C-alpha atoms as a PDB file:
ATOM      1  CA  ALA A   1       0.000   0.000   0.000  1.00  0.00           C
ATOM      2  CA  TRP A   2       1.053   3.585  -0.650  1.00  0.00           C
ATOM      3  CA  MET A   3       0.676   6.191   2.081  1.00  0.00           C
ATOM      4  CA  ARG A   4       1.041   9.949   2.002  1.00  0.00           C
ATOM      5  CA  VAL A   5       2.992  11.273   4.979  1.00  0.00           C
ATOM      6  CA  VAL A   6       2.845  14.966   5.837  1.00  0.00           C
ATOM      7  CA  PRO A   7       4.771  16.929   8.475  1.00  0.00           C
ATOM      8  CA  LYS A   8       3.093  17.614  11.795  1.00  0.00           C
ATOM      9  CA  PRO A   9       1.614  21.148  11.836  1.00  0.00           C
ATOM     10  CA  ARG A  10       3.736  23.793  13.536  1.00  0.00           C
ATOM     11  CA  TRP A  11       1.177  26.593  13.293  1.00  0.00           C
ATOM     12  CA  ARG A  12      -2.503  26.636  14.152  1.00  0.00           C
ATOM     13  CA  ALA A  13      -5.117  29.375  14.041  1.00  0.00           C
ATOM     14  CA  THR A  14      -8.729  29.096  15.195  1.00  0.00           C
ATOM     15  CA  ALA A  15     -11.898  31.089  15.763  1.00  0.00           C
ATOM     16  CA  SER A  16     -15.494  30.269  16.705  1.00  0.00           C
ATOM     17  CA  VAL A  17     -18.386  32.306  15.336  1.00  0.00           C
ATOM     18  CA  ALA A  18     -22.000  32.268  16.586  1.00  0.00           C
ATOM     19  CA  TYR A  19     -25.110  32.948  14.482  1.00  0.00           C
ATOM     20  CA  LYS A  20     -28.598  33.606  15.776  1.00  0.00           C
ATOM     21  CA  ASP A  21     -29.942  32.131  12.534  1.00  0.00           C
ATOM     22  CA  PHE A  22     -28.770  28.761  11.160  1.00  0.00           C
ATOM     23  CA  THR A  23     -29.387  29.982   7.604  1.00  0.00           C
ATOM     24  CA  ALA A  24     -26.826  32.752   8.110  1.00  0.00           C
ATOM     25  CA  GLY A  25     -24.319  30.190   9.355  1.00  0.00           C
ATOM     26  CA  VAL A  26     -24.940  28.096   6.242  1.00  0.00           C
ATOM     27  CA  ALA A  27     -24.292  31.129   4.041  1.00  0.00           C
ATOM     28  CA  ALA A  28     -21.055  31.845   5.918  1.00  0.00           C
ATOM     29  CA  ALA A  29     -19.892  28.239   5.574  1.00  0.00           C
ATOM     30  CA  ARG A  30     -20.613  28.385   1.859  1.00  0.00           C
ATOM     31  CA  ALA A  31     -18.689  31.639   1.435  1.00  0.00           C
ATOM     32  CA  LEU A  32     -15.741  30.208   3.346  1.00  0.00           C
ATOM     33  CA  SER A  33     -15.716  27.012   1.274  1.00  0.00           C
ATOM     34  CA  GLN A  34     -15.680  29.039  -1.947  1.00  0.00           C
ATOM     35  CA  SER A  35     -13.109  31.611  -0.798  1.00  0.00           C
ATOM     36  CA  GLY A  36      -9.970  29.680  -1.716  1.00  0.00           C
ATOM     37  CA  LEU A  37      -8.718  29.843   1.886  1.00  0.00           C
ATOM     38  CA  TYR A  38      -9.032  26.061   2.364  1.00  0.00           C
ATOM     39  CA  PRO A  39      -9.360  25.862   6.158  1.00  0.00           C
ATOM     40  CA  SER A  40      -8.375  22.605   7.809  1.00  0.00           C
ATOM     41  CA  ASN A  41     -11.640  22.718   9.736  1.00  0.00           C
ATOM     42  CA  ALA A  42     -14.905  24.467   8.933  1.00  0.00           C
ATOM     43  CA  ARG A  43     -17.603  22.806  11.013  1.00  0.00           C
ATOM     44  CA  LEU A  44     -21.049  24.331  11.404  1.00  0.00           C
ATOM     45  CA  LEU A  45     -23.277  23.255  14.323  1.00  0.00           C
ATOM     46  CA  ASP A  46     -26.970  24.114  14.426  1.00  0.00           C
ATOM     47  CA  GLY A  47     -28.574  25.231  17.684  1.00  0.00           C
ATOM     48  CA  ASN A  48     -29.583  21.734  18.797  1.00  0.00           C
ATOM     49  CA  GLU A  49     -26.166  20.316  17.952  1.00  0.00           C
ATOM     50  CA  ALA A  50     -24.406  23.101  19.856  1.00  0.00           C
ATOM     51  CA  ARG A  51     -26.634  22.473  22.865  1.00  0.00           C
ATOM     52  CA  LEU A  52     -26.279  18.682  22.793  1.00  0.00           C
ATOM     53  CA  HIS A  53     -22.495  18.980  22.723  1.00  0.00           C
ATOM     54  CA  ARG A  54     -22.286  21.706  25.379  1.00  0.00           C
ATOM     55  CA  VAL A  55     -20.917  24.331  22.990  1.00  0.00           C
ATOM     56  CA  ARG A  56     -23.710  26.954  23.293  1.00  0.00           C
ATOM     57  CA  PHE A  57     -26.929  26.941  25.278  1.00  0.00           C
ATOM     58  CA  ASP A  58     -28.795  29.934  23.804  1.00  0.00           C
ATOM     59  CA  GLY A  59     -30.013  28.254  20.595  1.00  0.00           C
ATOM     60  CA  SER A  60     -27.420  29.899  18.365  1.00  0.00           C
ATOM     61  CA  SER A  61     -25.498  28.053  15.674  1.00  0.00           C
ATOM     62  CA  VAL A  62     -21.706  27.967  15.755  1.00  0.00           C
ATOM     63  CA  LEU A  63     -19.133  27.892  12.962  1.00  0.00           C
ATOM     64  CA  LEU A  64     -15.797  26.446  14.090  1.00  0.00           C
ATOM     65  CA  ILE A  65     -12.907  27.591  11.883  1.00  0.00           C
ATOM     66  CA  GLY A  66      -9.391  26.187  12.013  1.00  0.00           C
ATOM     67  CA  PHE A  67      -6.196  26.363   9.972  1.00  0.00           C
ATOM     68  CA  GLU A  68      -3.057  24.224  10.320  1.00  0.00           C
ATOM     69  CA  SER A  69       0.296  24.351   8.541  1.00  0.00           C
ATOM     70  CA  ALA A  70       3.772  22.920   8.857  1.00  0.00           C
ATOM     71  CA  ASP A  71       5.098  25.666   6.580  1.00  0.00           C
ATOM     72  CA  HIS A  72       3.902  29.118   7.646  1.00  0.00           C
ATOM     73  CA  PRO A  73       1.962  31.181  10.216  1.00  0.00           C
ATOM     74  CA  LEU A  74      -1.749  31.479   9.468  1.00  0.00           C
ATOM     75  CA  GLY A  75      -2.843  34.818  10.897  1.00  0.00           C
ATOM     76  CA  ALA A  76      -3.693  36.335   7.515  1.00  0.00           C
ATOM     77  CA  TRP A  77      -5.783  33.334   6.476  1.00  0.00           C
ATOM     78  CA  LEU A  78      -7.726  33.352   9.734  1.00  0.00           C
ATOM     79  CA  ALA A  79      -8.245  37.113   9.616  1.00  0.00           C
ATOM     80  CA  ARG A  80      -9.872  36.863   6.192  1.00  0.00           C
ATOM     81  CA  ALA A  81     -11.988  33.882   7.278  1.00  0.00           C
ATOM     82  CA  VAL A  82     -13.225  35.856  10.283  1.00  0.00           C
ATOM     83  CA  GLU A  83     -14.099  38.785   8.008  1.00  0.00           C
ATOM     84  CA  LEU A  84     -16.170  36.461   5.838  1.00  0.00           C
ATOM     85  CA  ALA A  85     -17.888  35.010   8.882  1.00  0.00           C
ATOM     86  CA  LYS A  86     -18.747  38.463  10.246  1.00  0.00           C
ATOM     87  CA  ASP A  87     -20.017  39.591   6.830  1.00  0.00           C
ATOM     88  CA  HIS A  88     -22.865  37.101   7.316  1.00  0.00           C
ATOM     89  CA  GLY A  89     -23.854  38.384  10.743  1.00  0.00           C
ATOM     90  CA  GLY A  90     -21.582  36.253  12.884  1.00  0.00           C
ATOM     91  CA  GLU A  91     -20.417  37.125  16.387  1.00  0.00           C
ATOM     92  CA  ILE A  92     -16.893  36.044  17.321  1.00  0.00           C
ATOM     93  CA  VAL A  93     -17.223  34.033  20.543  1.00  0.00           C
ATOM     94  CA  ALA A  94     -13.709  32.564  20.695  1.00  0.00           C
ATOM     95  CA  GLY A  95     -10.486  33.761  19.100  1.00  0.00           C
ATOM     96  CA  PRO A  96      -9.107  34.661  16.709  1.00  0.00           C
ATOM     97  CA  SER A  97      -6.201  32.794  18.246  1.00  0.00           C
ATOM     98  CA  GLU A  98      -2.916  31.406  17.009  1.00  0.00           C
ATOM     99  CA  ALA A  99      -2.163  29.652  20.296  1.00  0.00           C
ATOM    100  CA  ASP A 100      -1.200  26.029  19.839  1.00  0.00           C
ATOM    101  CA  ASP A 101      -3.874  24.826  22.267  1.00  0.00           C
ATOM    102  CA  ALA A 102      -6.667  27.119  21.042  1.00  0.00           C
ATOM    103  CA  ALA A 103      -8.617  24.215  19.540  1.00  0.00           C
ATOM    104  CA  ARG A 104      -8.753  22.625  23.004  1.00  0.00           C
ATOM    105  CA  THR A 105     -10.416  25.566  24.757  1.00  0.00           C
ATOM    106  CA  GLY A 106     -13.603  27.581  24.348  1.00  0.00           C
ATOM    107  CA  ALA A 107     -16.313  26.513  21.902  1.00  0.00           C
ATOM    108  CA  ALA A 108     -13.916  24.459  19.791  1.00  0.00           C
ATOM    109  CA  GLY A 109     -12.585  22.673  22.860  1.00  0.00           C
ATOM    110  CA  ALA A 110     -16.091  21.913  24.134  1.00  0.00           C
ATOM    111  CA  TRP A 111     -17.009  20.449  20.767  1.00  0.00           C
ATOM    112  CA  ARG A 112     -13.794  18.431  20.576  1.00  0.00           C
ATOM    113  CA  GLN A 113     -14.344  16.856  23.990  1.00  0.00           C
ATOM    114  CA  ALA A 114     -18.011  16.135  23.305  1.00  0.00           C
ATOM    115  CA  PHE A 115     -17.060  14.457  20.036  1.00  0.00           C
ATOM    116  CA  PHE A 116     -14.751  12.066  21.900  1.00  0.00           C
ATOM    117  CA  ASP A 117     -17.330  11.465  24.642  1.00  0.00           C
ATOM    118  CA  ALA A 118     -20.246  10.742  22.299  1.00  0.00           C
ATOM    119  CA  PRO A 119     -19.667   7.005  21.639  1.00  0.00           C
ATOM    120  CA  TYR A 120     -19.454   6.292  25.368  1.00  0.00           C
ATOM    121  CA  LEU A 121     -22.565   8.334  26.096  1.00  0.00           C
ATOM    122  CA  GLN A 122     -24.413   6.609  23.257  1.00  0.00           C
ATOM    123  CA  SER A 123     -23.853   3.201  24.847  1.00  0.00           C
ATOM    124  CA  ALA A 124     -24.792   4.452  28.312  1.00  0.00           C
ATOM    125  CA  MET A 125     -27.972   6.085  27.012  1.00  0.00           C
ATOM    126  CA  LEU A 126     -29.023   2.959  25.131  1.00  0.00           C
ATOM    127  CA  SER A 127     -28.661   0.916  28.313  1.00  0.00           C
ATOM    128  CA  ILE A 128     -31.449   3.013  29.864  1.00  0.00           C
ATOM    129  CA  GLY A 129     -33.639   2.962  26.746  1.00  0.00           C
ATOM    130  CA  VAL A 130     -32.615   6.203  25.036  1.00  0.00           C
ATOM    131  CA  LEU A 131     -31.564   5.873  21.402  1.00  0.00           C
ATOM    132  CA  SER A 132     -29.001   8.249  19.911  1.00  0.00           C
ATOM    133  CA  ASP A 133     -27.974   7.594  16.324  1.00  0.00           C
ATOM    134  CA  THR A 134     -26.613   9.464  13.330  1.00  0.00           C
ATOM    135  CA  PHE A 135     -26.884   9.578   9.549  1.00  0.00           C
ATOM    136  CA  GLU A 136     -25.173  11.764   6.991  1.00  0.00           C
ATOM    137  CA  THR A 137     -25.341  12.798   3.363  1.00  0.00           C
ATOM    138  CA  SER A 138     -23.976  15.284   0.843  1.00  0.00           C
ATOM    139  CA  CYS A 139     -25.698  17.667  -1.555  1.00  0.00           C
ATOM    140  CA  THR A 140     -25.154  20.895  -3.451  1.00  0.00           C
ATOM    141  CA  TRP A 141     -25.509  24.251  -1.745  1.00  0.00           C
ATOM    142  CA  THR A 142     -28.684  24.983  -3.702  1.00  0.00           C
ATOM    143  CA  GLN A 143     -30.183  21.635  -2.663  1.00  0.00           C
ATOM    144  CA  PHE A 144     -29.456  22.012   1.029  1.00  0.00           C
ATOM    145  CA  PRO A 145     -32.328  24.260   2.232  1.00  0.00           C
ATOM    146  CA  GLU A 146     -35.042  21.943   0.886  1.00  0.00           C
ATOM    147  CA  LEU A 147     -33.160  18.787   1.861  1.00  0.00           C
ATOM    148  CA  HIS A 148     -32.671  20.047   5.405  1.00  0.00           C
ATOM    149  CA  ALA A 149     -36.323  21.021   5.772  1.00  0.00           C
ATOM    150  CA  ARG A 150     -37.582  17.681   4.438  1.00  0.00           C
ATOM    151  CA  VAL A 151     -35.177  15.564   6.452  1.00  0.00           C
ATOM    152  CA  THR A 152     -35.737  17.320   9.768  1.00  0.00           C
ATOM    153  CA  ALA A 153     -39.521  17.240   9.254  1.00  0.00           C
ATOM    154  CA  ALA A 154     -39.520  13.533   8.358  1.00  0.00           C
ATOM    155  CA  VAL A 155     -37.303  12.483  11.256  1.00  0.00           C
ATOM    156  CA  THR A 156     -39.178  14.688  13.738  1.00  0.00           C
ATOM    157  CA  ARG A 157     -42.436  13.102  12.586  1.00  0.00           C
ATOM    158  CA  ALA A 158     -40.949   9.604  12.915  1.00  0.00           C
ATOM    159  CA  LEU A 159     -39.656  10.394  16.410  1.00  0.00           C
ATOM    160  CA  ASP A 160     -43.139  11.561  17.396  1.00  0.00           C
ATOM    161  CA  GLU A 161     -44.702   8.353  16.060  1.00  0.00           C
ATOM    162  CA  VAL A 162     -42.090   5.899  17.347  1.00  0.00           C
ATOM    163  CA  CYS A 163     -40.796   7.537  20.532  1.00  0.00           C
ATOM    164  CA  GLY A 164     -43.428  10.088  21.432  1.00  0.00           C
ATOM    165  CA  GLY A 165     -40.983  12.894  20.607  1.00  0.00           C
ATOM    166  CA  GLY A 166     -37.274  13.546  20.392  1.00  0.00           C
ATOM    167  CA  ILE A 167     -34.523  15.811  19.121  1.00  0.00           C
ATOM    168  CA  VAL A 168     -32.971  16.199  15.663  1.00  0.00           C
ATOM    169  CA  SER A 169     -29.744  18.156  15.195  1.00  0.00           C
ATOM    170  CA  CYS A 170     -27.497  18.937  12.237  1.00  0.00           C
ATOM    171  CA  ARG A 171     -23.882  19.825  11.666  1.00  0.00           C
ATOM    172  CA  PHE A 172     -21.634  20.161   8.621  1.00  0.00           C
ATOM    173  CA  THR A 173     -18.733  17.749   8.938  1.00  0.00           C
ATOM    174  CA  HIS A 174     -17.234  18.804   5.601  1.00  0.00           C
ATOM    175  CA  VAL A 175     -17.809  21.748   3.287  1.00  0.00           C
ATOM    176  CA  TYR A 176     -16.766  21.950  -0.359  1.00  0.00           C
ATOM    177  CA  PRO A 177     -17.137  24.665  -2.993  1.00  0.00           C
ATOM    178  CA  ASP A 178     -20.013  22.651  -4.496  1.00  0.00           C
ATOM    179  CA  GLY A 179     -21.873  21.812  -1.295  1.00  0.00           C
ATOM    180  CA  PRO A 180     -21.878  20.591   2.306  1.00  0.00           C
ATOM    181  CA  ALA A 181     -21.925  17.178   3.969  1.00  0.00           C
ATOM    182  CA  PRO A 182     -24.772  17.506   6.499  1.00  0.00           C
ATOM    183  CA  TYR A 183     -24.567  15.111   9.444  1.00  0.00           C
ATOM    184  CA  TYR A 184     -27.689  14.514  11.531  1.00  0.00           C
ATOM    185  CA  THR A 185     -28.154  13.182  15.060  1.00  0.00           C
ATOM    186  CA  PHE A 186     -31.496  12.035  16.433  1.00  0.00           C
ATOM    187  CA  VAL A 187     -32.333  11.198  20.045  1.00  0.00           C
ATOM    188  CA  GLY A 188     -35.476   9.583  21.404  1.00  0.00           C
ATOM    189  CA  ALA A 189     -36.723   7.281  24.153  1.00  0.00           C
ATOM    190  CA  LEU A 190     -37.449   3.743  22.937  1.00  0.00           C
ATOM    191  CA  ARG A 191     -40.526   1.870  24.088  1.00  0.00           C
ATOM    192  CA  PRO A 192     -39.761  -1.456  25.817  1.00  0.00           C
ATOM    193  CA  GLY A 193     -40.057  -4.342  23.377  1.00  0.00           C
ATOM    194  CA  GLY A 194     -39.277  -4.233  19.657  1.00  0.00           C
ATOM    195  CA  GLU A 195     -36.428  -1.755  20.030  1.00  0.00           C
ATOM    196  CA  LEU A 196     -34.719  -2.915  16.838  1.00  0.00           C
ATOM    197  CA  ALA A 197     -37.918  -2.415  14.836  1.00  0.00           C
ATOM    198  CA  GLN A 198     -38.246   1.079  16.287  1.00  0.00           C
ATOM    199  CA  TRP A 199     -34.693   1.909  15.230  1.00  0.00           C
ATOM    200  CA  ARG A 200     -35.385   0.544  11.728  1.00  0.00           C
ATOM    201  CA  ALA A 201     -38.456   2.750  11.418  1.00  0.00           C
ATOM    202  CA  LEU A 202     -36.430   5.834  12.320  1.00  0.00           C
ATOM    203  CA  LYS A 203     -33.548   4.863  10.037  1.00  0.00           C
ATOM    204  CA  SER A 204     -35.915   4.205   7.129  1.00  0.00           C
ATOM    205  CA  ALA A 205     -37.680   7.536   7.601  1.00  0.00           C
ATOM    206  CA  ALA A 206     -34.345   9.352   7.496  1.00  0.00           C
ATOM    207  CA  SER A 207     -33.081   7.413   4.471  1.00  0.00           C
ATOM    208  CA  ASP A 208     -36.330   7.847   2.534  1.00  0.00           C
ATOM    209  CA  ALA A 209     -36.226  11.594   3.172  1.00  0.00           C
ATOM    210  CA  LEU A 210     -32.624  11.836   1.970  1.00  0.00           C
ATOM    211  CA  ALA A 211     -33.465   9.962  -1.224  1.00  0.00           C
ATOM    212  CA  ALA A 212     -36.582  12.038  -1.891  1.00  0.00           C
ATOM    213  CA  ALA A 213     -34.637  15.290  -1.459  1.00  0.00           C
ATOM    214  CA  GLY A 214     -31.820  14.256  -3.809  1.00  0.00           C
ATOM    215  CA  GLY A 215     -29.117  13.662  -1.197  1.00  0.00           C
ATOM    216  CA  THR A 216     -26.732  10.742  -1.377  1.00  0.00           C
ATOM    217  CA  ILE A 217     -27.356   7.892   1.064  1.00  0.00           C
ATOM    218  CA  THR A 218     -23.894   8.373   2.554  1.00  0.00           C
ATOM    219  CA  HIS A 219     -20.951  10.747   2.351  1.00  0.00           C
ATOM    220  CA  HIS A 220     -18.342   9.025   4.521  1.00  0.00           C
ATOM    221  CA  HIS A 221     -20.061   6.388   6.668  1.00  0.00           C
ATOM    222  CA  ALA A 222     -20.031   4.088   3.600  1.00  0.00           C
ATOM    223  CA  VAL A 223     -22.786   1.897   2.211  1.00  0.00           C
ATOM    224  CA  GLY A 224     -22.882  -1.414   4.081  1.00  0.00           C
ATOM    225  CA  ARG A 225     -25.918  -3.652   4.355  1.00  0.00           C
ATOM    226  CA  THR A 226     -27.986  -1.061   6.190  1.00  0.00           C
ATOM    227  CA  HIS A 227     -27.738   1.482   3.383  1.00  0.00           C
ATOM    228  CA  ARG A 228     -27.767  -0.997   0.502  1.00  0.00           C
ATOM    229  CA  PRO A 229     -31.483  -0.653  -0.477  1.00  0.00           C
ATOM    230  CA  TRP A 230     -31.179   3.124  -0.899  1.00  0.00           C
ATOM    231  CA  TYR A 231     -27.785   2.838  -2.567  1.00  0.00           C
ATOM    232  CA  ASP A 232     -29.268   0.486  -5.171  1.00  0.00           C
ATOM    233  CA  ARG A 233     -31.954   3.060  -5.975  1.00  0.00           C
ATOM    234  CA  GLU A 234     -29.445   5.908  -6.129  1.00  0.00           C
ATOM    235  CA  ARG A 235     -26.807   4.148  -8.217  1.00  0.00           C
ATOM    236  CA  PRO A 236     -27.163   4.325 -12.028  1.00  0.00           C
ATOM    237  CA  ALA A 237     -27.734   0.883 -13.562  1.00  0.00           C
ATOM    238  CA  LEU A 238     -24.694   1.123 -15.831  1.00  0.00           C
ATOM    239  CA  PHE A 239     -22.420   2.014 -12.924  1.00  0.00           C
ATOM    240  CA  GLY A 240     -23.763  -0.983 -11.030  1.00  0.00           C
ATOM    241  CA  GLU A 241     -22.917  -3.260 -13.950  1.00  0.00           C
ATOM    242  CA  VAL A 242     -19.383  -1.846 -14.168  1.00  0.00           C
ATOM    243  CA  LEU A 243     -18.901  -2.292 -10.417  1.00  0.00           C
ATOM    244  CA  ALA A 244     -20.148  -5.886 -10.592  1.00  0.00           C
ATOM    245  CA  ALA A 245     -17.796  -6.612 -13.509  1.00  0.00           C
ATOM    246  CA  ALA A 246     -14.824  -5.224 -11.583  1.00  0.00           C
ATOM    247  CA  LYS A 247     -15.843  -7.332  -8.584  1.00  0.00           C
ATOM    248  CA  ARG A 248     -15.926 -10.487 -10.724  1.00  0.00           C
ATOM    249  CA  GLU A 249     -12.454  -9.809 -12.113  1.00  0.00           C
ATOM    250  CA  LEU A 250     -10.760  -8.771  -8.865  1.00  0.00           C
ATOM    251  CA  ASP A 251     -12.615 -11.072  -6.462  1.00  0.00           C
ATOM    252  CA  PRO A 252     -13.929 -14.023  -8.507  1.00  0.00           C
ATOM    253  CA  ARG A 253     -14.687 -16.134  -5.426  1.00  0.00           C
ATOM    254  CA  GLY A 254     -16.570 -13.349  -3.665  1.00  0.00           C
ATOM    255  CA  ILE A 255     -14.390 -13.342  -0.569  1.00  0.00           C
ATOM    256  CA  LEU A 256     -14.257  -9.607   0.095  1.00  0.00           C
ATOM    257  CA  ASN A 257     -17.375  -8.366   1.912  1.00  0.00           C
ATOM    258  CA  PRO A 258     -19.840 -10.318  -0.256  1.00  0.00           C
ATOM    259  CA  GLY A 259     -23.242  -8.816  -0.957  1.00  0.00           C
ATOM    260  CA  VAL A 260     -22.540  -5.330   0.324  1.00  0.00           C
ATOM    261  CA  LEU A 261     -22.129  -3.186  -2.802  1.00  0.00           C
ATOM    262  CA  VAL A 262     -23.197  -5.698  -5.467  1.00  0.00           C
ATOM    263  CA  GLY A 263     -25.057  -9.003  -5.493  1.00  0.00           C
ATOM    264  CA  THR A 264     -23.275 -12.271  -4.823  1.00  0.00           C
ATOM    265  CA  ALA A 265     -24.503 -14.042  -7.975  1.00  0.00           C
END
């Protein structure tokens, strides 16, 4: 295997920006992704996501901005990114900072710690009957407003039906000039008995909404057996045939993860 090795960053620069309106945060993230600044981190949290992860408690959305380099200081890059963020109505709530540990304090630090804690909390919550799960997608910037509205409405409705209510939150894990990768978390109390069926109902509601809104079934979680039905509907037939042909040539005995991306026949 070939691996790309890069030097450890010597310089870091970070800032956290709050928005009263999630739509304004989305516009700022888009502007930043299309600016040519190429931040190492540009992560937008909606109000529920910021609250769940102990970043902000007033309902505001937060854009976390970070730059890293092994070659040069990053003050100028961060200064321009902050200007862009403020142009869209943002309030600087942490930074700008070029301190090496800036990403471990303030809003960015709270998010970082919550991110590491989440898998442990997920298991603990499930043990007392509270489900917390995630799904993610990617879309163009013009698609996002409708996709977000349809997905949050569908999952909220499913949580009401299955759990009697719950929480849906959204963050951007990645942003590109063409569009974001929205990442959703949903939390609800399961009813005793049939917990797996309840989870499937919630997962199906989310996946159906993504497909209906034109989002991909996955951006970086991968396909797997859970996502396979929606992937089959999303994937063009010709691409599926090409993928199956490559599978036959490279893995004629079907040893490698059989039945996940293509059929086993």
